Amino acid sequence: MPTVLNKSSSQKVEVEEGDTLYDGFQKNGQELPHGCLAGSCGTCLIEIVETEKDSLTEPRTIEQDTLNTIKEKNPHLKDKKLRLACRAKVVGNFSFKIPER
């Protein structure tokens, strides 16, 4: 099982491969910021800090559209590796933090 570390809170959990990051943390009794859980509000935004190759599935259309909008409205996030915890499916080890907006 992949291990994921939230560097903002020092929470480390094992997540079942294929689970979304949000679901994996919730199954381990840990809460991540969230809103719609559908990938359109951006409340569950995370910044990937350290990752192995292919630690997350590629963003699909809804997630990518939301990430593009967030980056347009927050230029300081433009060059960051961002994902949405409610949409990103875990396939390997990585760490993340909750970015400042």
PDB file of N, CA and C in Angstrom:
ATOM      1  N   MET A   1       0.839  -1.182   0.000  1.00  0.00           N
ATOM      2  CA  MET A   1       0.000   0.000   0.000  1.00  0.00           C
ATOM      3  C   MET A   1       0.884   1.245   0.000  1.00  0.00           C
ATOM      4  N   PRO A   2       0.539   2.220  -0.834  1.00  0.00           N
ATOM      5  CA  PRO A   2       1.313   3.465  -0.850  1.00  0.00           C
ATOM      6  C   PRO A   2       1.208   4.222   0.478  1.00  0.00           C
ATOM      7  N   THR A   3       2.295   4.890   0.841  1.00  0.00           N
ATOM      8  CA  THR A   3       2.333   5.729   2.027  1.00  0.00           C
ATOM      9  C   THR A   3       2.329   7.186   1.585  1.00  0.00           C
ATOM     10  N   VAL A   4       1.463   7.978   2.217  1.00  0.00           N
ATOM     11  CA  VAL A   4       1.322   9.389   1.862  1.00  0.00           C
ATOM     12  C   VAL A   4       1.493  10.231   3.120  1.00  0.00           C
ATOM     13  N   LEU A   5       2.298  11.292   3.008  1.00  0.00           N
ATOM     14  CA  LEU A   5       2.571  12.175   4.135  1.00  0.00           C
ATOM     15  C   LEU A   5       2.009  13.564   3.859  1.00  0.00           C
ATOM     16  N   ASN A   6       1.193  14.062   4.783  1.00  0.00           N
ATOM     17  CA  ASN A   6       0.706  15.435   4.738  1.00  0.00           C
ATOM     18  C   ASN A   6       1.705  16.272   5.534  1.00  0.00           C
ATOM     19  N   LYS A   7       2.560  17.002   4.849  1.00  0.00           N
ATOM     20  CA  LYS A   7       3.599  17.788   5.526  1.00  0.00           C
ATOM     21  C   LYS A   7       3.022  18.984   6.279  1.00  0.00           C
ATOM     22  N   SER A   8       1.802  19.383   5.983  1.00  0.00           N
ATOM     23  CA  SER A   8       1.178  20.491   6.707  1.00  0.00           C
ATOM     24  C   SER A   8       0.791  20.087   8.119  1.00  0.00           C
ATOM     25  N   SER A   9       0.503  18.810   8.316  1.00  0.00           N
ATOM     26  CA  SER A   9       0.064  18.349   9.638  1.00  0.00           C
ATOM     27  C   SER A   9       0.913  17.202  10.174  1.00  0.00           C
ATOM     28  N   SER A  10       1.886  16.737   9.409  1.00  0.00           N
ATOM     29  CA  SER A  10       2.738  15.594   9.751  1.00  0.00           C
ATOM     30  C   SER A  10       1.956  14.287   9.863  1.00  0.00           C
ATOM     31  N   GLN A  11       0.767  14.223   9.262  1.00  0.00           N
ATOM     32  CA  GLN A  11      -0.011  12.991   9.252  1.00  0.00           C
ATOM     33  C   GLN A  11       0.491  12.106   8.121  1.00  0.00           C
ATOM     34  N   LYS A  12       0.780  10.845   8.453  1.00  0.00           N
ATOM     35  CA  LYS A  12       1.231   9.879   7.465  1.00  0.00           C
ATOM     36  C   LYS A  12       0.251   8.713   7.476  1.00  0.00           C
ATOM     37  N   VAL A  13      -0.241   8.339   6.303  1.00  0.00           N
ATOM     38  CA  VAL A  13      -1.192   7.232   6.234  1.00  0.00           C
ATOM     39  C   VAL A  13      -0.854   6.316   5.065  1.00  0.00           C
ATOM     40  N   GLU A  14      -1.300   5.079   5.183  1.00  0.00           N
ATOM     41  CA  GLU A  14      -1.245   4.146   4.075  1.00  0.00           C
ATOM     42  C   GLU A  14      -2.586   4.237   3.359  1.00  0.00           C
ATOM     43  N   VAL A  15      -2.519   4.373   2.052  1.00  0.00           N
ATOM     44  CA  VAL A  15      -3.723   4.536   1.237  1.00  0.00           C
ATOM     45  C   VAL A  15      -3.812   3.376   0.257  1.00  0.00           C
ATOM     46  N   GLU A  16      -4.991   2.804   0.140  1.00  0.00           N
ATOM     47  CA  GLU A  16      -5.176   1.727  -0.823  1.00  0.00           C
ATOM     48  C   GLU A  16      -4.957   2.267  -2.229  1.00  0.00           C
ATOM     49  N   GLU A  17      -4.195   1.547  -3.016  1.00  0.00           N
ATOM     50  CA  GLU A  17      -3.939   1.958  -4.393  1.00  0.00           C
ATOM     51  C   GLU A  17      -5.262   2.107  -5.134  1.00  0.00           C
ATOM     52  N   GLY A  18      -5.432   3.241  -5.812  1.00  0.00           N
ATOM     53  CA  GLY A  18      -6.655   3.515  -6.567  1.00  0.00           C
ATOM     54  C   GLY A  18      -7.668   4.362  -5.814  1.00  0.00           C
ATOM     55  N   ASP A  19      -7.489   4.519  -4.488  1.00  0.00           N
ATOM     56  CA  ASP A  19      -8.369   5.409  -3.724  1.00  0.00           C
ATOM     57  C   ASP A  19      -7.990   6.857  -4.009  1.00  0.00           C
ATOM     58  N   THR A  20      -8.963   7.748  -3.927  1.00  0.00           N
ATOM     59  CA  THR A  20      -8.607   9.163  -3.991  1.00  0.00           C
ATOM     60  C   THR A  20      -7.855   9.512  -2.708  1.00  0.00           C
ATOM     61  N   LEU A  21      -7.068  10.548  -2.783  1.00  0.00           N
ATOM     62  CA  LEU A  21      -6.321  10.979  -1.597  1.00  0.00           C
ATOM     63  C   LEU A  21      -7.280  11.299  -0.455  1.00  0.00           C
ATOM     64  N   TYR A  22      -8.350  12.015  -0.753  1.00  0.00           N
ATOM     65  CA  TYR A  22      -9.333  12.365   0.279  1.00  0.00           C
ATOM     66  C   TYR A  22      -9.893  11.100   0.940  1.00  0.00           C
ATOM     67  N   ASP A  23     -10.341  10.129   0.131  1.00  0.00           N
ATOM     68  CA  ASP A  23     -10.926   8.903   0.683  1.00  0.00           C
ATOM     69  C   ASP A  23      -9.908   8.124   1.510  1.00  0.00           C
ATOM     70  N   GLY A  24      -8.664   8.067   1.029  1.00  0.00           N
ATOM     71  CA  GLY A  24      -7.628   7.346   1.760  1.00  0.00           C
ATOM     72  C   GLY A  24      -7.376   7.926   3.136  1.00  0.00           C
ATOM     73  N   PHE A  25      -7.345   9.252   3.227  1.00  0.00           N
ATOM     74  CA  PHE A  25      -7.149   9.881   4.532  1.00  0.00           C
ATOM     75  C   PHE A  25      -8.380   9.686   5.412  1.00  0.00           C
ATOM     76  N   GLN A  26      -9.563   9.819   4.832  1.00  0.00           N
ATOM     77  CA  GLN A  26     -10.786   9.647   5.613  1.00  0.00           C
ATOM     78  C   GLN A  26     -10.882   8.229   6.185  1.00  0.00           C
ATOM     79  N   LYS A  27     -10.518   7.223   5.410  1.00  0.00           N
ATOM     80  CA  LYS A  27     -10.553   5.833   5.884  1.00  0.00           C
ATOM     81  C   LYS A  27      -9.611   5.631   7.074  1.00  0.00           C
ATOM     82  N   ASN A  28      -8.592   6.478   7.172  1.00  0.00           N
ATOM     83  CA  ASN A  28      -7.638   6.400   8.277  1.00  0.00           C
ATOM     84  C   ASN A  28      -7.972   7.377   9.403  1.00  0.00           C
ATOM     85  N   GLY A  29      -9.189   7.927   9.382  1.00  0.00           N
ATOM     86  CA  GLY A  29      -9.625   8.818  10.448  1.00  0.00           C
ATOM     87  C   GLY A  29      -9.032  10.214  10.388  1.00  0.00           C
ATOM     88  N   GLN A  30      -8.492  10.600   9.232  1.00  0.00           N
ATOM     89  CA  GLN A  30      -7.867  11.915   9.071  1.00  0.00           C
ATOM     90  C   GLN A  30      -8.711  12.762   8.112  1.00  0.00           C
ATOM     91  N   GLU A  31      -8.933  13.993   8.469  1.00  0.00           N
ATOM     92  CA  GLU A  31      -9.713  14.903   7.624  1.00  0.00           C
ATOM     93  C   GLU A  31      -8.802  15.793   6.801  1.00  0.00           C
ATOM     94  N   LEU A  32      -9.149  15.987   5.560  1.00  0.00           N
ATOM     95  CA  LEU A  32      -8.513  16.969   4.693  1.00  0.00           C
ATOM     96  C   LEU A  32      -9.549  18.027   4.360  1.00  0.00           C
ATOM     97  N   PRO A  33      -9.122  19.250   4.077  1.00  0.00           N
ATOM     98  CA  PRO A  33     -10.088  20.278   3.678  1.00  0.00           C
ATOM     99  C   PRO A  33     -10.886  19.779   2.474  1.00  0.00           C
ATOM    100  N   HIS A  34     -12.178  20.074   2.474  1.00  0.00           N
ATOM    101  CA  HIS A  34     -13.011  19.656   1.347  1.00  0.00           C
ATOM    102  C   HIS A  34     -14.244  20.535   1.247  1.00  0.00           C
ATOM    103  N   GLY A  35     -14.870  20.462   0.094  1.00  0.00           N
ATOM    104  CA  GLY A  35     -16.104  21.198  -0.158  1.00  0.00           C
ATOM    105  C   GLY A  35     -17.060  20.291  -0.900  1.00  0.00           C
ATOM    106  N   CYS A  36     -17.070  20.416  -2.212  1.00  0.00           N
ATOM    107  CA  CYS A  36     -18.052  19.706  -3.038  1.00  0.00           C
ATOM    108  C   CYS A  36     -17.740  18.219  -3.220  1.00  0.00           C
ATOM    109  N   LEU A  37     -16.489  17.819  -3.081  1.00  0.00           N
ATOM    110  CA  LEU A  37     -16.024  16.449  -3.322  1.00  0.00           C
ATOM    111  C   LEU A  37     -16.302  15.979  -4.751  1.00  0.00           C
ATOM    112  N   ALA A  38     -16.469  16.926  -5.668  1.00  0.00           N
ATOM    113  CA  ALA A  38     -16.712  16.602  -7.078  1.00  0.00           C
ATOM    114  C   ALA A  38     -15.640  17.178  -7.991  1.00  0.00           C
ATOM    115  N   GLY A  39     -14.731  17.963  -7.441  1.00  0.00           N
ATOM    116  CA  GLY A  39     -13.643  18.502  -8.243  1.00  0.00           C
ATOM    117  C   GLY A  39     -13.891  19.861  -8.843  1.00  0.00           C
ATOM    118  N   SER A  40     -14.980  20.526  -8.443  1.00  0.00           N
ATOM    119  CA  SER A  40     -15.233  21.839  -9.030  1.00  0.00           C
ATOM    120  C   SER A  40     -14.986  23.025  -8.121  1.00  0.00           C
ATOM    121  N   CYS A  41     -14.942  22.842  -6.810  1.00  0.00           N
ATOM    122  CA  CYS A  41     -14.804  24.011  -5.936  1.00  0.00           C
ATOM    123  C   CYS A  41     -13.348  24.354  -5.619  1.00  0.00           C
ATOM    124  N   GLY A  42     -12.461  23.369  -5.614  1.00  0.00           N
ATOM    125  CA  GLY A  42     -11.049  23.615  -5.347  1.00  0.00           C
ATOM    126  C   GLY A  42     -10.672  23.695  -3.882  1.00  0.00           C
ATOM    127  N   THR A  43     -11.603  23.458  -2.978  1.00  0.00           N
ATOM    128  CA  THR A  43     -11.325  23.550  -1.547  1.00  0.00           C
ATOM    129  C   THR A  43     -10.295  22.512  -1.096  1.00  0.00           C
ATOM    130  N   CYS A  44     -10.248  21.378  -1.762  1.00  0.00           N
ATOM    131  CA  CYS A  44      -9.345  20.292  -1.364  1.00  0.00           C
ATOM    132  C   CYS A  44      -7.988  20.374  -2.073  1.00  0.00           C
ATOM    133  N   LEU A  45      -7.611  21.559  -2.509  1.00  0.00           N
ATOM    134  CA  LEU A  45      -6.351  21.765  -3.223  1.00  0.00           C
ATOM    135  C   LEU A  45      -5.152  21.346  -2.384  1.00  0.00           C
ATOM    136  N   ILE A  46      -4.239  20.596  -3.006  1.00  0.00           N
ATOM    137  CA  ILE A  46      -2.983  20.211  -2.370  1.00  0.00           C
ATOM    138  C   ILE A  46      -1.830  20.539  -3.312  1.00  0.00           C
ATOM    139  N   GLU A  47      -0.652  20.691  -2.735  1.00  0.00           N
ATOM    140  CA  GLU A  47       0.563  20.879  -3.515  1.00  0.00           C
ATOM    141  C   GLU A  47       1.464  19.673  -3.281  1.00  0.00           C
ATOM    142  N   ILE A  48       1.846  19.012  -4.354  1.00  0.00           N
ATOM    143  CA  ILE A  48       2.734  17.866  -4.253  1.00  0.00           C
ATOM    144  C   ILE A  48       4.138  18.382  -3.924  1.00  0.00           C
ATOM    145  N   VAL A  49       4.740  17.832  -2.872  1.00  0.00           N
ATOM    146  CA  VAL A  49       6.057  18.278  -2.423  1.00  0.00           C
ATOM    147  C   VAL A  49       7.142  17.317  -2.911  1.00  0.00           C
ATOM    148  N   GLU A  50       6.974  16.049  -2.621  1.00  0.00           N
ATOM    149  CA  GLU A  50       7.916  15.018  -3.053  1.00  0.00           C
ATOM    150  C   GLU A  50       7.103  13.868  -3.619  1.00  0.00           C
ATOM    151  N   THR A  51       7.587  13.303  -4.706  1.00  0.00           N
ATOM    152  CA  THR A  51       6.828  12.225  -5.328  1.00  0.00           C
ATOM    153  C   THR A  51       7.750  11.285  -6.078  1.00  0.00           C
ATOM    154  N   GLU A  52       7.299  10.066  -6.172  1.00  0.00           N
ATOM    155  CA  GLU A  52       7.932   9.110  -7.059  1.00  0.00           C
ATOM    156  C   GLU A  52       7.219   9.259  -8.408  1.00  0.00           C
ATOM    157  N   LYS A  53       7.826   8.786  -9.454  1.00  0.00           N
ATOM    158  CA  LYS A  53       7.170   8.836 -10.758  1.00  0.00           C
ATOM    159  C   LYS A  53       5.839   8.081 -10.686  1.00  0.00           C
ATOM    160  N   ASP A  54       4.817   8.666 -11.275  1.00  0.00           N
ATOM    161  CA  ASP A  54       3.495   8.036 -11.353  1.00  0.00           C
ATOM    162  C   ASP A  54       2.893   7.692  -9.991  1.00  0.00           C
ATOM    163  N   SER A  55       3.003   8.610  -9.016  1.00  0.00           N
ATOM    164  CA  SER A  55       2.414   8.383  -7.690  1.00  0.00           C
ATOM    165  C   SER A  55       0.917   8.673  -7.660  1.00  0.00           C
ATOM    166  N   LEU A  56       0.450   9.434  -8.650  1.00  0.00           N
ATOM    167  CA  LEU A  56      -0.967   9.767  -8.766  1.00  0.00           C
ATOM    168  C   LEU A  56      -1.396   9.562 -10.215  1.00  0.00           C
ATOM    169  N   THR A  57      -2.662   9.228 -10.392  1.00  0.00           N
ATOM    170  CA  THR A  57      -3.179   9.148 -11.751  1.00  0.00           C
ATOM    171  C   THR A  57      -3.179  10.544 -12.363  1.00  0.00           C
ATOM    172  N   GLU A  58      -3.197  10.629 -13.677  1.00  0.00           N
ATOM    173  CA  GLU A  58      -3.243  11.915 -14.363  1.00  0.00           C
ATOM    174  C   GLU A  58      -4.580  12.603 -14.091  1.00  0.00           C
ATOM    175  N   PRO A  59      -4.590  13.940 -14.000  1.00  0.00           N
ATOM    176  CA  PRO A  59      -5.858  14.643 -13.784  1.00  0.00           C
ATOM    177  C   PRO A  59      -6.792  14.466 -14.980  1.00  0.00           C
ATOM    178  N   ARG A  60      -8.047  14.282 -14.685  1.00  0.00           N
ATOM    179  CA  ARG A  60      -9.057  14.202 -15.741  1.00  0.00           C
ATOM    180  C   ARG A  60      -9.615  15.595 -15.981  1.00  0.00           C
ATOM    181  N   THR A  61     -10.520  15.727 -16.899  1.00  0.00           N
ATOM    182  CA  THR A  61     -10.994  17.029 -17.379  1.00  0.00           C
ATOM    183  C   THR A  61     -11.519  17.938 -16.277  1.00  0.00           C
ATOM    184  N   ILE A  62     -12.399  17.449 -15.428  1.00  0.00           N
ATOM    185  CA  ILE A  62     -12.985  18.296 -14.378  1.00  0.00           C
ATOM    186  C   ILE A  62     -11.897  18.830 -13.459  1.00  0.00           C
ATOM    187  N   GLU A  63     -11.013  17.952 -13.011  1.00  0.00           N
ATOM    188  CA  GLU A  63      -9.935  18.376 -12.122  1.00  0.00           C
ATOM    189  C   GLU A  63      -9.007  19.366 -12.823  1.00  0.00           C
ATOM    190  N   GLN A  64      -8.626  19.076 -14.057  1.00  0.00           N
ATOM    191  CA  GLN A  64      -7.707  19.950 -14.776  1.00  0.00           C
ATOM    192  C   GLN A  64      -8.315  21.330 -15.000  1.00  0.00           C
ATOM    193  N   ASP A  65      -9.597  21.387 -15.319  1.00  0.00           N
ATOM    194  CA  ASP A  65     -10.266  22.681 -15.499  1.00  0.00           C
ATOM    195  C   ASP A  65     -10.246  23.495 -14.203  1.00  0.00           C
ATOM    196  N   THR A  66     -10.518  22.838 -13.088  1.00  0.00           N
ATOM    197  CA  THR A  66     -10.505  23.527 -11.791  1.00  0.00           C
ATOM    198  C   THR A  66      -9.095  23.998 -11.448  1.00  0.00           C
ATOM    199  N   LEU A  67      -8.094  23.158 -11.677  1.00  0.00           N
ATOM    200  CA  LEU A  67      -6.706  23.548 -11.411  1.00  0.00           C
ATOM    201  C   LEU A  67      -6.290  24.734 -12.280  1.00  0.00           C
ATOM    202  N   ASN A  68      -6.690  24.732 -13.545  1.00  0.00           N
ATOM    203  CA  ASN A  68      -6.371  25.858 -14.437  1.00  0.00           C
ATOM    204  C   ASN A  68      -6.977  27.161 -13.919  1.00  0.00           C
ATOM    205  N   THR A  69      -8.214  27.105 -13.453  1.00  0.00           N
ATOM    206  CA  THR A  69      -8.891  28.281 -12.915  1.00  0.00           C
ATOM    207  C   THR A  69      -8.182  28.779 -11.653  1.00  0.00           C
ATOM    208  N   ILE A  70      -7.805  27.858 -10.770  1.00  0.00           N
ATOM    209  CA  ILE A  70      -7.096  28.228  -9.537  1.00  0.00           C
ATOM    210  C   ILE A  70      -5.776  28.919  -9.870  1.00  0.00           C
ATOM    211  N   LYS A  71      -5.044  28.375 -10.824  1.00  0.00           N
ATOM    212  CA  LYS A  71      -3.749  28.957 -11.195  1.00  0.00           C
ATOM    213  C   LYS A  71      -3.916  30.331 -11.852  1.00  0.00           C
ATOM    214  N   GLU A  72      -4.982  30.512 -12.607  1.00  0.00           N
ATOM    215  CA  GLU A  72      -5.251  31.822 -13.216  1.00  0.00           C
ATOM    216  C   GLU A  72      -5.547  32.871 -12.155  1.00  0.00           C
ATOM    217  N   LYS A  73      -6.280  32.479 -11.126  1.00  0.00           N
ATOM    218  CA  LYS A  73      -6.673  33.422 -10.078  1.00  0.00           C
ATOM    219  C   LYS A  73      -5.604  33.596  -8.995  1.00  0.00           C
ATOM    220  N   ASN A  74      -4.635  32.696  -8.937  1.00  0.00           N
ATOM    221  CA  ASN A  74      -3.575  32.723  -7.924  1.00  0.00           C
ATOM    222  C   ASN A  74      -2.224  32.558  -8.610  1.00  0.00           C
ATOM    223  N   PRO A  75      -1.700  33.622  -9.209  1.00  0.00           N
ATOM    224  CA  PRO A  75      -0.460  33.518  -9.983  1.00  0.00           C
ATOM    225  C   PRO A  75       0.721  32.921  -9.215  1.00  0.00           C
ATOM    226  N   HIS A  76       0.753  33.082  -7.892  1.00  0.00           N
ATOM    227  CA  HIS A  76       1.851  32.508  -7.108  1.00  0.00           C
ATOM    228  C   HIS A  76       1.823  30.976  -7.097  1.00  0.00           C
ATOM    229  N   LEU A  77       0.720  30.372  -7.543  1.00  0.00           N
ATOM    230  CA  LEU A  77       0.604  28.913  -7.602  1.00  0.00           C
ATOM    231  C   LEU A  77       0.867  28.363  -9.004  1.00  0.00           C
ATOM    232  N   LYS A  78       1.115  29.247  -9.947  1.00  0.00           N
ATOM    233  CA  LYS A  78       1.222  28.874 -11.361  1.00  0.00           C
ATOM    234  C   LYS A  78       2.213  27.737 -11.622  1.00  0.00           C
ATOM    235  N   ASP A  79       3.371  27.770 -11.000  1.00  0.00           N
ATOM    236  CA  ASP A  79       4.410  26.783 -11.268  1.00  0.00           C
ATOM    237  C   ASP A  79       4.447  25.632 -10.262  1.00  0.00           C
ATOM    238  N   LYS A  80       3.446  25.554  -9.404  1.00  0.00           N
ATOM    239  CA  LYS A  80       3.388  24.497  -8.393  1.00  0.00           C
ATOM    240  C   LYS A  80       2.694  23.264  -8.974  1.00  0.00           C
ATOM    241  N   LYS A  81       3.063  22.108  -8.456  1.00  0.00           N
ATOM    242  CA  LYS A  81       2.401  20.861  -8.858  1.00  0.00           C
ATOM    243  C   LYS A  81       1.186  20.681  -7.949  1.00  0.00           C
ATOM    244  N   LEU A  82       0.030  21.034  -8.464  1.00  0.00           N
ATOM    245  CA  LEU A  82      -1.210  21.025  -7.689  1.00  0.00           C
ATOM    246  C   LEU A  82      -2.116  19.889  -8.117  1.00  0.00           C
ATOM    247  N   ARG A  83      -2.888  19.424  -7.164  1.00  0.00           N
ATOM    248  CA  ARG A  83      -3.925  18.420  -7.434  1.00  0.00           C
ATOM    249  C   ARG A  83      -5.095  18.690  -6.501  1.00  0.00           C
ATOM    250  N   LEU A  84      -6.201  18.009  -6.752  1.00  0.00           N
ATOM    251  CA  LEU A  84      -7.372  18.066  -5.881  1.00  0.00           C
ATOM    252  C   LEU A  84      -7.478  16.732  -5.162  1.00  0.00           C
ATOM    253  N   ALA A  85      -7.502  16.768  -3.843  1.00  0.00           N
ATOM    254  CA  ALA A  85      -7.521  15.542  -3.041  1.00  0.00           C
ATOM    255  C   ALA A  85      -8.749  14.686  -3.317  1.00  0.00           C
ATOM    256  N   CYS A  86      -9.845  15.303  -3.723  1.00  0.00           N
ATOM    257  CA  CYS A  86     -11.066  14.545  -3.971  1.00  0.00           C
ATOM    258  C   CYS A  86     -11.043  13.824  -5.315  1.00  0.00           C
ATOM    259  N   ARG A  87     -10.107  14.167  -6.195  1.00  0.00           N
ATOM    260  CA  ARG A  87     -10.056  13.575  -7.536  1.00  0.00           C
ATOM    261  C   ARG A  87      -8.797  12.766  -7.809  1.00  0.00           C
ATOM    262  N   ALA A  88      -7.686  13.123  -7.168  1.00  0.00           N
ATOM    263  CA  ALA A  88      -6.400  12.473  -7.438  1.00  0.00           C
ATOM    264  C   ALA A  88      -6.379  11.074  -6.838  1.00  0.00           C
ATOM    265  N   LYS A  89      -6.155  10.078  -7.677  1.00  0.00           N
ATOM    266  CA  LYS A  89      -6.098   8.696  -7.206  1.00  0.00           C
ATOM    267  C   LYS A  89      -4.647   8.301  -6.959  1.00  0.00           C
ATOM    268  N   VAL A  90      -4.428   7.711  -5.803  1.00  0.00           N
ATOM    269  CA  VAL A  90      -3.088   7.354  -5.337  1.00  0.00           C
ATOM    270  C   VAL A  90      -2.644   6.023  -5.948  1.00  0.00           C
ATOM    271  N   VAL A  91      -1.413   6.008  -6.473  1.00  0.00           N
ATOM    272  CA  VAL A  91      -0.834   4.766  -6.976  1.00  0.00           C
ATOM    273  C   VAL A  91       0.593   4.541  -6.465  1.00  0.00           C
ATOM    274  N   GLY A  92       1.141   5.508  -5.717  1.00  0.00           N
ATOM    275  CA  GLY A  92       2.493   5.381  -5.182  1.00  0.00           C
ATOM    276  C   GLY A  92       2.727   6.330  -4.018  1.00  0.00           C
ATOM    277  N   ASN A  93       3.914   6.278  -3.440  1.00  0.00           N
ATOM    278  CA  ASN A  93       4.268   7.106  -2.288  1.00  0.00           C
ATOM    279  C   ASN A  93       4.510   8.553  -2.707  1.00  0.00           C
ATOM    280  N   PHE A  94       4.081   9.494  -1.872  1.00  0.00           N
ATOM    281  CA  PHE A  94       4.371  10.916  -2.090  1.00  0.00           C
ATOM    282  C   PHE A  94       4.055  11.702  -0.836  1.00  0.00           C
ATOM    283  N   SER A  95       4.464  12.967  -0.844  1.00  0.00           N
ATOM    284  CA  SER A  95       4.096  13.872   0.240  1.00  0.00           C
ATOM    285  C   SER A  95       3.511  15.136  -0.366  1.00  0.00           C
ATOM    286  N   PHE A  96       2.687  15.798   0.436  1.00  0.00           N
ATOM    287  CA  PHE A  96       2.005  17.005  -0.027  1.00  0.00           C
ATOM    288  C   PHE A  96       1.837  17.975   1.120  1.00  0.00           C
ATOM    289  N   LYS A  97       1.439  19.189   0.773  1.00  0.00           N
ATOM    290  CA  LYS A  97       1.075  20.173   1.785  1.00  0.00           C
ATOM    291  C   LYS A  97      -0.154  20.924   1.286  1.00  0.00           C
ATOM    292  N   ILE A  98      -0.786  21.626   2.195  1.00  0.00           N
ATOM    293  CA  ILE A  98      -1.925  22.470   1.843  1.00  0.00           C
ATOM    294  C   ILE A  98      -1.359  23.838   1.494  1.00  0.00           C
ATOM    295  N   PRO A  99      -1.498  24.278   0.233  1.00  0.00           N
ATOM    296  CA  PRO A  99      -0.898  25.567  -0.154  1.00  0.00           C
ATOM    297  C   PRO A  99      -1.661  26.764   0.383  1.00  0.00           C
ATOM    298  N   GLU A 100      -0.947  27.856   0.566  1.00  0.00           N
ATOM    299  CA  GLU A 100      -1.579  29.116   0.959  1.00  0.00           C
ATOM    300  C   GLU A 100      -2.155  29.755  -0.278  1.00  0.00           C
ATOM    301  N   ARG A 101      -3.325  30.354  -0.132  1.00  0.00           N
ATOM    302  CA  ARG A 101      -3.942  31.053  -1.268  1.00  0.00           C
ATOM    303  C   ARG A 101      -3.993  32.521  -1.025  1.00  0.00           C
TER     304      ARG A 101
END
